[in-house]
Amino acid sequence: MSTASLFVELVVIGVGALSWVVLLVLSVFGWNWVPTERVFSSVALVPLLSLIYVFGIAAVYCLLFAVRCPLMRDSDSVFSFLHC
């Protein structure tokens, strides 16, 4: 897998993860306090993209941990080389 495709994959996963977090936060606290002019400006895109990338990494790590550890309890598992 090339570096560019890995970056795009993490960005796509991060968009989904950040969307769920934003929906959760906005449903709890409301949306009137969000300065929409500054959030959706072109200056905010670079920090937003880096935040999306970090959420992608965290989501993949959490998913791998959640899937890998129950499978590792079986000693003949394909994932036995990975450590929880």
C-alpha atoms as a PDB file:
ATOM      1  CA  MET A   1       0.000   0.000   0.000  1.00  0.00           C
ATOM      2  CA  SER A   2       1.452   3.341  -0.976  1.00  0.00           C
ATOM      3  CA  THR A   3       1.774   6.228   1.433  1.00  0.00           C
ATOM      4  CA  ALA A   4      -0.768   8.351  -0.430  1.00  0.00           C
ATOM      5  CA  SER A   5      -3.447   5.674  -0.326  1.00  0.00           C
ATOM      6  CA  LEU A   6      -2.790   5.084   3.372  1.00  0.00           C
ATOM      7  CA  PHE A   7      -3.144   8.821   4.043  1.00  0.00           C
ATOM      8  CA  VAL A   8      -6.401   8.972   2.083  1.00  0.00           C
ATOM      9  CA  GLU A   9      -7.725   5.910   3.891  1.00  0.00           C
ATOM     10  CA  LEU A  10      -6.985   7.454   7.288  1.00  0.00           C
ATOM     11  CA  VAL A  11      -8.594  10.734   6.215  1.00  0.00           C
ATOM     12  CA  VAL A  12     -11.754   8.928   5.085  1.00  0.00           C
ATOM     13  CA  ILE A  13     -11.940   6.971   8.337  1.00  0.00           C
ATOM     14  CA  GLY A  14     -11.223  10.169  10.269  1.00  0.00           C
ATOM     15  CA  VAL A  15     -14.105  11.982   8.574  1.00  0.00           C
ATOM     16  CA  GLY A  16     -16.477   9.300   9.795  1.00  0.00           C
ATOM     17  CA  ALA A  17     -15.031   9.248  13.314  1.00  0.00           C
ATOM     18  CA  LEU A  18     -15.002  13.029  13.640  1.00  0.00           C
ATOM     19  CA  SER A  19     -18.536  13.234  12.278  1.00  0.00           C
ATOM     20  CA  TRP A  20     -19.788  10.967  15.059  1.00  0.00           C
ATOM     21  CA  VAL A  21     -17.914  12.955  17.707  1.00  0.00           C
ATOM     22  CA  VAL A  22     -19.218  16.278  16.353  1.00  0.00           C
ATOM     23  CA  LEU A  23     -22.767  14.937  16.238  1.00  0.00           C
ATOM     24  CA  LEU A  24     -22.466  13.720  19.819  1.00  0.00           C
ATOM     25  CA  VAL A  25     -21.052  17.032  21.071  1.00  0.00           C
ATOM     26  CA  LEU A  26     -23.629  19.096  19.185  1.00  0.00           C
ATOM     27  CA  SER A  27     -26.489  16.933  20.417  1.00  0.00           C
ATOM     28  CA  VAL A  28     -25.363  17.339  24.027  1.00  0.00           C
ATOM     29  CA  PHE A  29     -24.381  21.028  24.031  1.00  0.00           C
ATOM     30  CA  GLY A  30     -26.381  22.446  21.125  1.00  0.00           C
ATOM     31  CA  TRP A  31     -25.009  24.255  18.103  1.00  0.00           C
ATOM     32  CA  ASN A  32     -25.636  27.923  18.895  1.00  0.00           C
ATOM     33  CA  TRP A  33     -22.223  28.401  20.530  1.00  0.00           C
ATOM     34  CA  VAL A  34     -20.284  27.285  17.415  1.00  0.00           C
ATOM     35  CA  PRO A  35     -18.884  30.200  15.358  1.00  0.00           C
ATOM     36  CA  THR A  36     -19.819  28.799  11.943  1.00  0.00           C
ATOM     37  CA  GLU A  37     -18.137  31.621  10.000  1.00  0.00           C
ATOM     38  CA  ARG A  38     -14.738  30.736  11.452  1.00  0.00           C
ATOM     39  CA  VAL A  39     -15.217  26.957  11.496  1.00  0.00           C
ATOM     40  CA  PHE A  40     -16.070  26.759   7.794  1.00  0.00           C
ATOM     41  CA  SER A  41     -13.460  29.291   6.610  1.00  0.00           C
ATOM     42  CA  SER A  42     -10.575  28.293   4.357  1.00  0.00           C
ATOM     43  CA  VAL A  43      -8.057  29.134   7.102  1.00  0.00           C
ATOM     44  CA  ALA A  44      -9.581  26.457   9.350  1.00  0.00           C
ATOM     45  CA  LEU A  45      -9.195  23.698   6.753  1.00  0.00           C
ATOM     46  CA  VAL A  46      -5.569  22.815   7.567  1.00  0.00           C
ATOM     47  CA  PRO A  47      -6.135  22.302  11.311  1.00  0.00           C
ATOM     48  CA  LEU A  48      -9.374  20.500  10.519  1.00  0.00           C
ATOM     49  CA  LEU A  49      -7.583  18.149   8.125  1.00  0.00           C
ATOM     50  CA  SER A  50      -4.935  17.381  10.735  1.00  0.00           C
ATOM     51  CA  LEU A  51      -7.654  16.742  13.311  1.00  0.00           C
ATOM     52  CA  ILE A  52      -9.421  14.433  10.855  1.00  0.00           C
ATOM     53  CA  TYR A  53      -6.152  12.553  10.254  1.00  0.00           C
ATOM     54  CA  VAL A  54      -5.586  12.074  14.004  1.00  0.00           C
ATOM     55  CA  PHE A  55      -9.152  10.861  14.482  1.00  0.00           C
ATOM     56  CA  GLY A  56      -8.554   8.383  11.646  1.00  0.00           C
ATOM     57  CA  ILE A  57      -5.466   6.995  13.342  1.00  0.00           C
ATOM     58  CA  ALA A  58      -7.270   6.746  16.683  1.00  0.00           C
ATOM     59  CA  ALA A  59     -10.306   5.052  15.112  1.00  0.00           C
ATOM     60  CA  VAL A  60      -8.171   2.472  13.320  1.00  0.00           C
ATOM     61  CA  TYR A  61      -6.196   1.778  16.503  1.00  0.00           C
ATOM     62  CA  CYS A  62      -9.383   1.339  18.562  1.00  0.00           C
ATOM     63  CA  LEU A  63     -10.916  -0.909  15.931  1.00  0.00           C
ATOM     64  CA  LEU A  64      -7.803  -3.075  15.683  1.00  0.00           C
ATOM     65  CA  PHE A  65      -7.616  -3.357  19.453  1.00  0.00           C
ATOM     66  CA  ALA A  66     -11.305  -4.267  19.717  1.00  0.00           C
ATOM     67  CA  VAL A  67     -11.090  -6.903  16.992  1.00  0.00           C
ATOM     68  CA  ARG A  68      -7.617  -8.243  17.670  1.00  0.00           C
ATOM     69  CA  CYS A  69      -7.784  -8.948  21.410  1.00  0.00           C
ATOM     70  CA  PRO A  70     -10.823 -11.281  21.376  1.00  0.00           C
ATOM     71  CA  LEU A  71      -9.303 -13.167  18.448  1.00  0.00           C
ATOM     72  CA  MET A  72      -5.956 -13.530  20.197  1.00  0.00           C
ATOM     73  CA  ARG A  73      -7.446 -15.564  23.016  1.00  0.00           C
ATOM     74  CA  ASP A  74      -7.403 -18.469  20.591  1.00  0.00           C
ATOM     75  CA  SER A  75      -3.777 -19.629  20.364  1.00  0.00           C
ATOM     76  CA  ASP A  76      -4.220 -20.874  16.777  1.00  0.00           C
ATOM     77  CA  SER A  77      -5.487 -17.511  15.605  1.00  0.00           C
ATOM     78  CA  VAL A  78      -4.114 -15.744  12.559  1.00  0.00           C
ATOM     79  CA  PHE A  79      -3.573 -12.697  14.784  1.00  0.00           C
ATOM     80  CA  SER A  80      -1.463 -14.561  17.341  1.00  0.00           C
ATOM     81  CA  PHE A  81       1.681 -12.677  16.269  1.00  0.00           C
ATOM     82  CA  LEU A  82       0.114  -9.393  17.450  1.00  0.00           C
ATOM     83  CA  HIS A  83       0.223  -8.410  21.099  1.00  0.00           C
ATOM     84  CA  CYS A  84      -2.653  -6.822  23.059  1.00  0.00           C
END
